[in-house]
Amino acid sequence: MPEVITFQQALEQATHHKHVLLGNGFSRACRDDIFSYDALFDQANFDGLSPSARNAFEVLATTDFEVVIRALKQAARLASIYLEDDPDLAERLNADAAGLRELLARTIAASHPDRPSDIQNQKYAACRAFLKNFKHIYTVNYDLLLYCCIGR
């Protein structure tokens, strides 16, 4: 089993390569009330998507958009070999995956604080204190929190 080290130990060992890749956990640590999958799911407007896209969350017992999107894409790949008599199924699955990806981005944008000042200064200070440890910062987040932290 690998040795688990503290964050401070990791920083000390990474003297030359201080890069960080941020995901949804960064935003959730700051504002879980708006960036958690449960909160995003509750805010999402599924109008315009197929009922199956919405029902996929229940079948997979999750509110995690990325889990459902990934499952739909995988199902589309498998549909082409398991359901050769329904060639449109893969297309419908891929369309639902794309629709959910777009819905997630729209929901995050709509849930995002209207102004950077809507987030407490202490939260920004904590984010900046964390980020100052890294020379290069990368993100896969859909939200703008990182940019608000850096620009403030």
N, C-alpha and C. Protein backbone atom coordinates (compact mmCIF):
# COMPACT_ATOMS: atom_id res chain seq x y z
N MET A 1 0.85 -1.18 0.00
CA MET A 1 0.00 0.00 0.00
C MET A 1 0.89 1.24 0.00
N PRO A 2 0.58 2.24 -0.85
CA PRO A 2 1.42 3.44 -0.90
C PRO A 2 1.33 4.24 0.39
N GLU A 3 2.40 4.92 0.69
CA GLU A 3 2.44 5.77 1.88
C GLU A 3 1.62 7.03 1.62
N VAL A 4 0.78 7.38 2.56
CA VAL A 4 -0.02 8.60 2.47
C VAL A 4 0.73 9.70 3.19
N ILE A 5 0.93 10.81 2.47
CA ILE A 5 1.64 11.94 3.07
C ILE A 5 0.70 13.13 3.18
N THR A 6 1.08 14.09 3.98
CA THR A 6 0.26 15.29 4.16
C THR A 6 0.44 16.23 2.97
N PHE A 7 -0.45 17.18 2.87
CA PHE A 7 -0.36 18.19 1.82
C PHE A 7 0.97 18.95 1.93
N GLN A 8 1.34 19.31 3.15
CA GLN A 8 2.59 20.04 3.36
C GLN A 8 3.79 19.20 2.93
N GLN A 9 3.79 17.92 3.24
CA GLN A 9 4.88 17.04 2.81
C GLN A 9 4.94 16.96 1.28
N ALA A 10 3.80 16.89 0.65
CA ALA A 10 3.76 16.83 -0.81
C ALA A 10 4.35 18.10 -1.41
N LEU A 11 4.01 19.24 -0.83
CA LEU A 11 4.57 20.51 -1.33
C LEU A 11 6.08 20.55 -1.17
N GLU A 12 6.57 20.07 -0.04
CA GLU A 12 8.01 20.06 0.22
C GLU A 12 8.73 19.12 -0.75
N GLN A 13 8.12 18.02 -1.11
CA GLN A 13 8.74 17.07 -2.03
C GLN A 13 8.69 17.55 -3.47
N ALA A 14 7.74 18.39 -3.79
CA ALA A 14 7.56 18.87 -5.16
C ALA A 14 8.22 20.23 -5.33
N THR A 15 9.50 20.28 -5.08
CA THR A 15 10.20 21.56 -5.12
C THR A 15 10.25 22.19 -6.51
N HIS A 16 10.28 21.37 -7.55
CA HIS A 16 10.42 21.91 -8.91
C HIS A 16 9.15 21.81 -9.74
N HIS A 17 8.25 20.95 -9.39
CA HIS A 17 7.07 20.69 -10.22
C HIS A 17 5.80 20.93 -9.41
N LYS A 18 5.43 22.17 -9.26
CA LYS A 18 4.23 22.48 -8.48
C LYS A 18 3.09 22.85 -9.42
N HIS A 19 2.40 21.79 -9.87
CA HIS A 19 1.25 21.94 -10.75
C HIS A 19 0.03 21.41 -10.00
N VAL A 20 -1.13 21.95 -10.33
CA VAL A 20 -2.36 21.43 -9.74
C VAL A 20 -3.43 21.36 -10.83
N LEU A 21 -4.19 20.29 -10.79
CA LEU A 21 -5.34 20.11 -11.67
C LEU A 21 -6.57 20.15 -10.79
N LEU A 22 -7.41 21.15 -11.02
CA LEU A 22 -8.60 21.34 -10.20
C LEU A 22 -9.83 20.77 -10.88
N GLY A 23 -10.63 20.12 -10.09
CA GLY A 23 -11.92 19.62 -10.57
C GLY A 23 -13.03 20.23 -9.74
N ASN A 24 -14.17 19.58 -9.74
CA ASN A 24 -15.34 20.09 -9.06
C ASN A 24 -15.12 20.24 -7.56
N GLY A 25 -14.21 19.49 -6.99
CA GLY A 25 -13.95 19.59 -5.55
C GLY A 25 -13.49 20.97 -5.13
N PHE A 26 -12.77 21.66 -5.99
CA PHE A 26 -12.32 23.02 -5.68
C PHE A 26 -13.51 23.94 -5.46
N SER A 27 -14.46 23.91 -6.37
CA SER A 27 -15.64 24.76 -6.27
C SER A 27 -16.54 24.31 -5.13
N ARG A 28 -16.66 23.02 -4.96
CA ARG A 28 -17.51 22.50 -3.89
C ARG A 28 -16.96 22.88 -2.52
N ALA A 29 -15.65 22.91 -2.38
CA ALA A 29 -15.06 23.28 -1.10
C ALA A 29 -15.42 24.73 -0.75
N CYS A 30 -15.59 25.54 -1.77
CA CYS A 30 -15.94 26.95 -1.55
C CYS A 30 -17.44 27.15 -1.38
N ARG A 31 -18.23 26.57 -2.29
CA ARG A 31 -19.69 26.79 -2.29
C ARG A 31 -20.42 25.50 -2.64
N ASP A 32 -20.40 24.55 -1.72
CA ASP A 32 -21.06 23.27 -1.97
C ASP A 32 -22.56 23.45 -2.17
N ASP A 33 -23.11 24.51 -1.60
CA ASP A 33 -24.55 24.73 -1.72
C ASP A 33 -24.99 25.00 -3.15
N ILE A 34 -24.08 25.44 -4.01
CA ILE A 34 -24.45 25.67 -5.42
C ILE A 34 -23.70 24.78 -6.39
N PHE A 35 -22.56 24.21 -5.99
CA PHE A 35 -21.75 23.43 -6.92
C PHE A 35 -21.81 21.92 -6.70
N SER A 36 -22.55 21.45 -5.68
CA SER A 36 -22.68 20.00 -5.51
C SER A 36 -23.57 19.46 -6.62
N TYR A 37 -23.41 18.18 -6.94
CA TYR A 37 -24.26 17.59 -7.98
C TYR A 37 -25.73 17.61 -7.56
N ASP A 38 -26.00 17.40 -6.27
CA ASP A 38 -27.40 17.46 -5.81
C ASP A 38 -28.00 18.83 -6.07
N ALA A 39 -27.26 19.89 -5.75
CA ALA A 39 -27.76 21.25 -5.95
C ALA A 39 -27.93 21.54 -7.44
N LEU A 40 -26.97 21.13 -8.25
CA LEU A 40 -27.08 21.36 -9.69
C LEU A 40 -28.26 20.59 -10.28
N PHE A 41 -28.43 19.36 -9.85
CA PHE A 41 -29.54 18.54 -10.34
C PHE A 41 -30.88 19.20 -9.98
N ASP A 42 -30.99 19.68 -8.75
CA ASP A 42 -32.24 20.33 -8.32
C ASP A 42 -32.53 21.60 -9.11
N GLN A 43 -31.50 22.29 -9.56
CA GLN A 43 -31.67 23.54 -10.30
C GLN A 43 -31.87 23.32 -11.80
N ALA A 44 -31.50 22.14 -12.29
CA ALA A 44 -31.52 21.88 -13.73
C ALA A 44 -32.94 21.87 -14.28
N ASN A 45 -33.09 22.46 -15.45
CA ASN A 45 -34.37 22.47 -16.16
C ASN A 45 -34.25 21.47 -17.32
N PHE A 46 -34.87 20.32 -17.16
CA PHE A 46 -34.75 19.24 -18.13
C PHE A 46 -35.69 19.41 -19.32
N ASP A 47 -36.46 20.49 -19.34
CA ASP A 47 -37.34 20.74 -20.49
C ASP A 47 -36.51 20.77 -21.77
N GLY A 48 -37.01 20.16 -22.79
CA GLY A 48 -36.29 20.13 -24.07
C GLY A 48 -35.43 18.91 -24.25
N LEU A 49 -35.19 18.15 -23.17
CA LEU A 49 -34.44 16.90 -23.27
C LEU A 49 -35.42 15.74 -23.29
N SER A 50 -34.97 14.62 -23.77
CA SER A 50 -35.85 13.45 -23.79
C SER A 50 -36.15 13.02 -22.35
N PRO A 51 -37.34 12.45 -22.12
CA PRO A 51 -37.63 11.92 -20.77
C PRO A 51 -36.60 10.87 -20.35
N SER A 52 -36.07 10.14 -21.31
CA SER A 52 -35.07 9.12 -20.98
C SER A 52 -33.82 9.73 -20.38
N ALA A 53 -33.42 10.90 -20.85
CA ALA A 53 -32.23 11.57 -20.32
C ALA A 53 -32.43 11.87 -18.83
N ARG A 54 -33.60 12.34 -18.48
CA ARG A 54 -33.91 12.64 -17.07
C ARG A 54 -34.01 11.35 -16.27
N ASN A 55 -34.66 10.34 -16.83
CA ASN A 55 -34.85 9.07 -16.13
C ASN A 55 -33.55 8.31 -15.91
N ALA A 56 -32.55 8.59 -16.71
CA ALA A 56 -31.26 7.90 -16.56
C ALA A 56 -30.66 8.16 -15.18
N PHE A 57 -30.91 9.32 -14.61
CA PHE A 57 -30.40 9.63 -13.26
C PHE A 57 -31.01 8.67 -12.24
N GLU A 58 -32.31 8.43 -12.36
CA GLU A 58 -32.98 7.52 -11.43
C GLU A 58 -32.48 6.09 -11.61
N VAL A 59 -32.37 5.64 -12.85
CA VAL A 59 -31.92 4.28 -13.11
C VAL A 59 -30.51 4.06 -12.57
N LEU A 60 -29.65 5.06 -12.70
CA LEU A 60 -28.27 4.94 -12.22
C LEU A 60 -28.14 5.37 -10.76
N ALA A 61 -29.23 5.81 -10.14
CA ALA A 61 -29.25 6.21 -8.72
C ALA A 61 -28.16 7.23 -8.40
N THR A 62 -28.16 8.32 -9.19
CA THR A 62 -27.16 9.36 -9.00
C THR A 62 -27.73 10.71 -9.41
N THR A 63 -27.10 11.77 -8.91
CA THR A 63 -27.37 13.12 -9.40
C THR A 63 -26.14 13.67 -10.12
N ASP A 64 -25.15 12.83 -10.30
CA ASP A 64 -23.88 13.21 -10.93
C ASP A 64 -24.04 13.21 -12.45
N PHE A 65 -24.09 14.40 -13.04
CA PHE A 65 -24.26 14.53 -14.48
C PHE A 65 -23.18 13.78 -15.24
N GLU A 66 -21.95 13.85 -14.78
CA GLU A 66 -20.85 13.24 -15.52
C GLU A 66 -20.95 11.71 -15.54
N VAL A 67 -21.46 11.12 -14.47
CA VAL A 67 -21.67 9.67 -14.44
C VAL A 67 -22.70 9.28 -15.50
N VAL A 68 -23.79 10.04 -15.57
CA VAL A 68 -24.85 9.73 -16.52
C VAL A 68 -24.37 9.97 -17.96
N ILE A 69 -23.68 11.05 -18.19
CA ILE A 69 -23.15 11.35 -19.54
C ILE A 69 -22.22 10.23 -19.99
N ARG A 70 -21.32 9.82 -19.11
CA ARG A 70 -20.38 8.74 -19.44
C ARG A 70 -21.14 7.44 -19.73
N ALA A 71 -22.14 7.13 -18.92
CA ALA A 71 -22.91 5.90 -19.11
C ALA A 71 -23.64 5.94 -20.46
N LEU A 72 -24.21 7.08 -20.81
CA LEU A 72 -24.90 7.19 -22.09
C LEU A 72 -23.94 7.01 -23.27
N LYS A 73 -22.76 7.58 -23.16
CA LYS A 73 -21.78 7.42 -24.23
C LYS A 73 -21.33 5.97 -24.35
N GLN A 74 -21.12 5.31 -23.22
CA GLN A 74 -20.74 3.90 -23.26
C GLN A 74 -21.86 3.04 -23.83
N ALA A 75 -23.09 3.34 -23.42
CA ALA A 75 -24.24 2.59 -23.94
C ALA A 75 -24.36 2.78 -25.45
N ALA A 76 -24.07 3.97 -25.94
CA ALA A 76 -24.14 4.23 -27.38
C ALA A 76 -23.13 3.36 -28.13
N ARG A 77 -21.95 3.22 -27.58
CA ARG A 77 -20.95 2.37 -28.23
C ARG A 77 -21.39 0.91 -28.24
N LEU A 78 -21.97 0.47 -27.14
CA LEU A 78 -22.41 -0.93 -27.07
C LEU A 78 -23.67 -1.18 -27.90
N ALA A 79 -24.54 -0.19 -28.02
CA ALA A 79 -25.79 -0.36 -28.75
C ALA A 79 -25.55 -0.78 -30.20
N SER A 80 -24.49 -0.27 -30.76
CA SER A 80 -24.22 -0.58 -32.17
C SER A 80 -23.93 -2.07 -32.40
N ILE A 81 -23.49 -2.79 -31.38
CA ILE A 81 -23.23 -4.22 -31.55
C ILE A 81 -24.32 -5.09 -30.93
N TYR A 82 -25.00 -4.60 -29.91
CA TYR A 82 -26.03 -5.39 -29.26
C TYR A 82 -27.42 -5.19 -29.87
N LEU A 83 -27.64 -4.03 -30.45
CA LEU A 83 -28.95 -3.73 -31.02
C LEU A 83 -28.80 -3.29 -32.47
N GLU A 84 -28.29 -4.19 -33.26
CA GLU A 84 -28.06 -3.88 -34.67
C GLU A 84 -29.35 -3.54 -35.41
N ASP A 85 -30.50 -4.02 -34.91
CA ASP A 85 -31.78 -3.75 -35.56
C ASP A 85 -32.33 -2.36 -35.21
N ASP A 86 -31.66 -1.62 -34.32
CA ASP A 86 -32.08 -0.27 -33.95
C ASP A 86 -30.87 0.67 -34.08
N PRO A 87 -30.47 0.97 -35.32
CA PRO A 87 -29.26 1.79 -35.51
C PRO A 87 -29.41 3.23 -34.98
N ASP A 88 -30.64 3.68 -34.80
CA ASP A 88 -30.84 5.05 -34.29
C ASP A 88 -30.63 5.16 -32.79
N LEU A 89 -30.61 4.05 -32.09
CA LEU A 89 -30.47 4.09 -30.63
C LEU A 89 -29.16 4.76 -30.22
N ALA A 90 -28.06 4.39 -30.84
CA ALA A 90 -26.77 5.00 -30.49
C ALA A 90 -26.81 6.51 -30.71
N GLU A 91 -27.46 6.91 -31.77
CA GLU A 91 -27.58 8.34 -32.05
C GLU A 91 -28.40 9.05 -30.96
N ARG A 92 -29.49 8.42 -30.51
CA ARG A 92 -30.32 9.00 -29.46
C ARG A 92 -29.56 9.07 -28.14
N LEU A 93 -28.81 8.03 -27.83
CA LEU A 93 -28.02 8.03 -26.60
C LEU A 93 -26.96 9.13 -26.62
N ASN A 94 -26.27 9.26 -27.75
CA ASN A 94 -25.27 10.33 -27.88
C ASN A 94 -25.91 11.71 -27.82
N ALA A 95 -27.10 11.85 -28.40
CA ALA A 95 -27.80 13.14 -28.34
C ALA A 95 -28.19 13.48 -26.90
N ASP A 96 -28.64 12.49 -26.14
CA ASP A 96 -28.96 12.73 -24.74
C ASP A 96 -27.71 13.11 -23.94
N ALA A 97 -26.60 12.44 -24.21
CA ALA A 97 -25.35 12.78 -23.52
C ALA A 97 -24.95 14.22 -23.82
N ALA A 98 -25.03 14.61 -25.08
CA ALA A 98 -24.69 15.99 -25.45
C ALA A 98 -25.65 16.98 -24.82
N GLY A 99 -26.93 16.63 -24.79
CA GLY A 99 -27.92 17.52 -24.17
C GLY A 99 -27.68 17.69 -22.69
N LEU A 100 -27.31 16.61 -22.01
CA LEU A 100 -27.02 16.71 -20.57
C LEU A 100 -25.76 17.52 -20.31
N ARG A 101 -24.76 17.38 -21.17
CA ARG A 101 -23.53 18.18 -21.01
C ARG A 101 -23.86 19.67 -21.13
N GLU A 102 -24.67 20.00 -22.11
CA GLU A 102 -25.09 21.39 -22.30
C GLU A 102 -25.94 21.87 -21.12
N LEU A 103 -26.84 21.03 -20.65
CA LEU A 103 -27.68 21.37 -19.50
C LEU A 103 -26.83 21.61 -18.27
N LEU A 104 -25.82 20.80 -18.05
CA LEU A 104 -24.93 20.99 -16.91
C LEU A 104 -24.24 22.35 -16.99
N ALA A 105 -23.71 22.68 -18.15
CA ALA A 105 -23.03 23.97 -18.31
C ALA A 105 -24.00 25.13 -18.08
N ARG A 106 -25.21 25.04 -18.63
CA ARG A 106 -26.21 26.10 -18.43
C ARG A 106 -26.62 26.21 -16.97
N THR A 107 -26.77 25.07 -16.31
CA THR A 107 -27.19 25.08 -14.91
C THR A 107 -26.11 25.69 -14.02
N ILE A 108 -24.86 25.36 -14.29
CA ILE A 108 -23.77 25.95 -13.52
C ILE A 108 -23.75 27.46 -13.73
N ALA A 109 -23.88 27.87 -14.98
CA ALA A 109 -23.88 29.31 -15.27
C ALA A 109 -25.04 30.01 -14.56
N ALA A 110 -26.20 29.40 -14.55
CA ALA A 110 -27.36 30.01 -13.91
C ALA A 110 -27.26 29.99 -12.38
N SER A 111 -26.54 29.01 -11.84
CA SER A 111 -26.41 28.88 -10.39
C SER A 111 -25.26 29.70 -9.83
N HIS A 112 -24.37 30.12 -10.70
CA HIS A 112 -23.17 30.84 -10.29
C HIS A 112 -23.56 32.15 -9.61
N PRO A 113 -22.81 32.55 -8.60
CA PRO A 113 -23.10 33.85 -7.98
C PRO A 113 -23.09 34.96 -9.04
N ASP A 114 -24.01 35.90 -8.91
CA ASP A 114 -24.11 36.98 -9.88
C ASP A 114 -22.86 37.84 -9.94
N ARG A 115 -22.26 38.07 -8.79
CA ARG A 115 -21.07 38.92 -8.70
C ARG A 115 -20.01 38.21 -7.86
N PRO A 116 -18.75 38.43 -8.17
CA PRO A 116 -17.70 37.85 -7.31
C PRO A 116 -17.85 38.26 -5.85
N SER A 117 -18.43 39.41 -5.60
CA SER A 117 -18.60 39.88 -4.22
C SER A 117 -19.66 39.08 -3.46
N ASP A 118 -20.41 38.23 -4.16
CA ASP A 118 -21.40 37.38 -3.49
C ASP A 118 -20.74 36.26 -2.69
N ILE A 119 -19.46 36.04 -2.93
CA ILE A 119 -18.70 35.05 -2.16
C ILE A 119 -17.91 35.79 -1.09
N GLN A 120 -17.94 35.26 0.11
CA GLN A 120 -17.29 35.91 1.25
C GLN A 120 -15.79 36.06 1.01
N ASN A 121 -15.24 37.16 1.49
CA ASN A 121 -13.81 37.43 1.34
C ASN A 121 -12.95 36.33 1.95
N GLN A 122 -13.41 35.75 3.06
CA GLN A 122 -12.64 34.68 3.69
C GLN A 122 -12.51 33.46 2.77
N LYS A 123 -13.56 33.20 1.99
CA LYS A 123 -13.51 32.07 1.05
C LYS A 123 -12.49 32.34 -0.05
N TYR A 124 -12.49 33.57 -0.56
CA TYR A 124 -11.49 33.93 -1.58
C TYR A 124 -10.08 33.85 -1.00
N ALA A 125 -9.92 34.31 0.22
CA ALA A 125 -8.60 34.27 0.85
C ALA A 125 -8.12 32.83 1.00
N ALA A 126 -9.02 31.94 1.40
CA ALA A 126 -8.64 30.52 1.54
C ALA A 126 -8.27 29.93 0.19
N CYS A 127 -9.03 30.26 -0.85
CA CYS A 127 -8.72 29.76 -2.20
C CYS A 127 -7.36 30.28 -2.66
N ARG A 128 -7.12 31.56 -2.47
CA ARG A 128 -5.84 32.13 -2.90
C ARG A 128 -4.67 31.55 -2.10
N ALA A 129 -4.88 31.31 -0.81
CA ALA A 129 -3.82 30.70 0.00
C ALA A 129 -3.47 29.31 -0.52
N PHE A 130 -4.47 28.56 -0.94
CA PHE A 130 -4.23 27.24 -1.51
C PHE A 130 -3.52 27.36 -2.85
N LEU A 131 -4.03 28.23 -3.72
CA LEU A 131 -3.49 28.35 -5.08
C LEU A 131 -2.07 28.90 -5.13
N LYS A 132 -1.68 29.70 -4.16
CA LYS A 132 -0.34 30.29 -4.19
C LYS A 132 0.76 29.25 -4.08
N ASN A 133 0.39 28.03 -3.71
CA ASN A 133 1.37 26.94 -3.60
C ASN A 133 1.80 26.38 -4.95
N PHE A 134 1.13 26.80 -6.02
CA PHE A 134 1.36 26.17 -7.31
C PHE A 134 1.82 27.17 -8.35
N LYS A 135 2.75 26.70 -9.19
CA LYS A 135 3.25 27.53 -10.28
C LYS A 135 2.31 27.49 -11.48
N HIS A 136 1.73 26.32 -11.75
CA HIS A 136 0.82 26.13 -12.87
C HIS A 136 -0.50 25.58 -12.36
N ILE A 137 -1.59 26.19 -12.80
CA ILE A 137 -2.93 25.79 -12.36
C ILE A 137 -3.75 25.42 -13.59
N TYR A 138 -4.32 24.22 -13.55
CA TYR A 138 -5.18 23.74 -14.63
C TYR A 138 -6.54 23.41 -14.03
N THR A 139 -7.58 23.52 -14.84
CA THR A 139 -8.91 23.21 -14.34
C THR A 139 -9.73 22.50 -15.39
N VAL A 140 -10.62 21.63 -14.91
CA VAL A 140 -11.62 21.00 -15.76
C VAL A 140 -13.01 21.47 -15.34
N ASN A 141 -13.05 22.48 -14.50
CA ASN A 141 -14.33 23.01 -14.01
C ASN A 141 -15.07 23.78 -15.09
N TYR A 142 -16.38 23.75 -14.97
CA TYR A 142 -17.24 24.52 -15.84
C TYR A 142 -17.49 25.92 -15.27
N ASP A 143 -17.27 26.08 -13.98
CA ASP A 143 -17.63 27.35 -13.35
C ASP A 143 -16.48 28.35 -13.40
N LEU A 144 -16.76 29.55 -12.97
CA LEU A 144 -15.79 30.65 -13.05
C LEU A 144 -15.12 30.97 -11.72
N LEU A 145 -15.31 30.14 -10.71
CA LEU A 145 -14.78 30.43 -9.39
C LEU A 145 -13.27 30.65 -9.41
N LEU A 146 -12.55 29.81 -10.11
CA LEU A 146 -11.09 29.94 -10.17
C LEU A 146 -10.69 31.32 -10.69
N TYR A 147 -11.35 31.77 -11.74
CA TYR A 147 -11.02 33.06 -12.33
C TYR A 147 -11.37 34.20 -11.37
N CYS A 148 -12.44 34.04 -10.64
CA CYS A 148 -12.80 35.05 -9.63
C CYS A 148 -11.74 35.12 -8.54
N CYS A 149 -11.22 33.95 -8.13
CA CYS A 149 -10.20 33.91 -7.07
C CYS A 149 -8.91 34.57 -7.51
N ILE A 150 -8.51 34.30 -8.72
CA ILE A 150 -7.25 34.85 -9.22
C ILE A 150 -7.38 36.34 -9.48
N GLY A 151 -8.51 36.76 -10.01
CA GLY A 151 -8.70 38.15 -10.38
C GLY A 151 -8.98 39.08 -9.24
N ARG A 152 -9.23 38.53 -8.08
CA ARG A 152 -9.60 39.37 -6.95
C ARG A 152 -8.43 39.83 -6.15
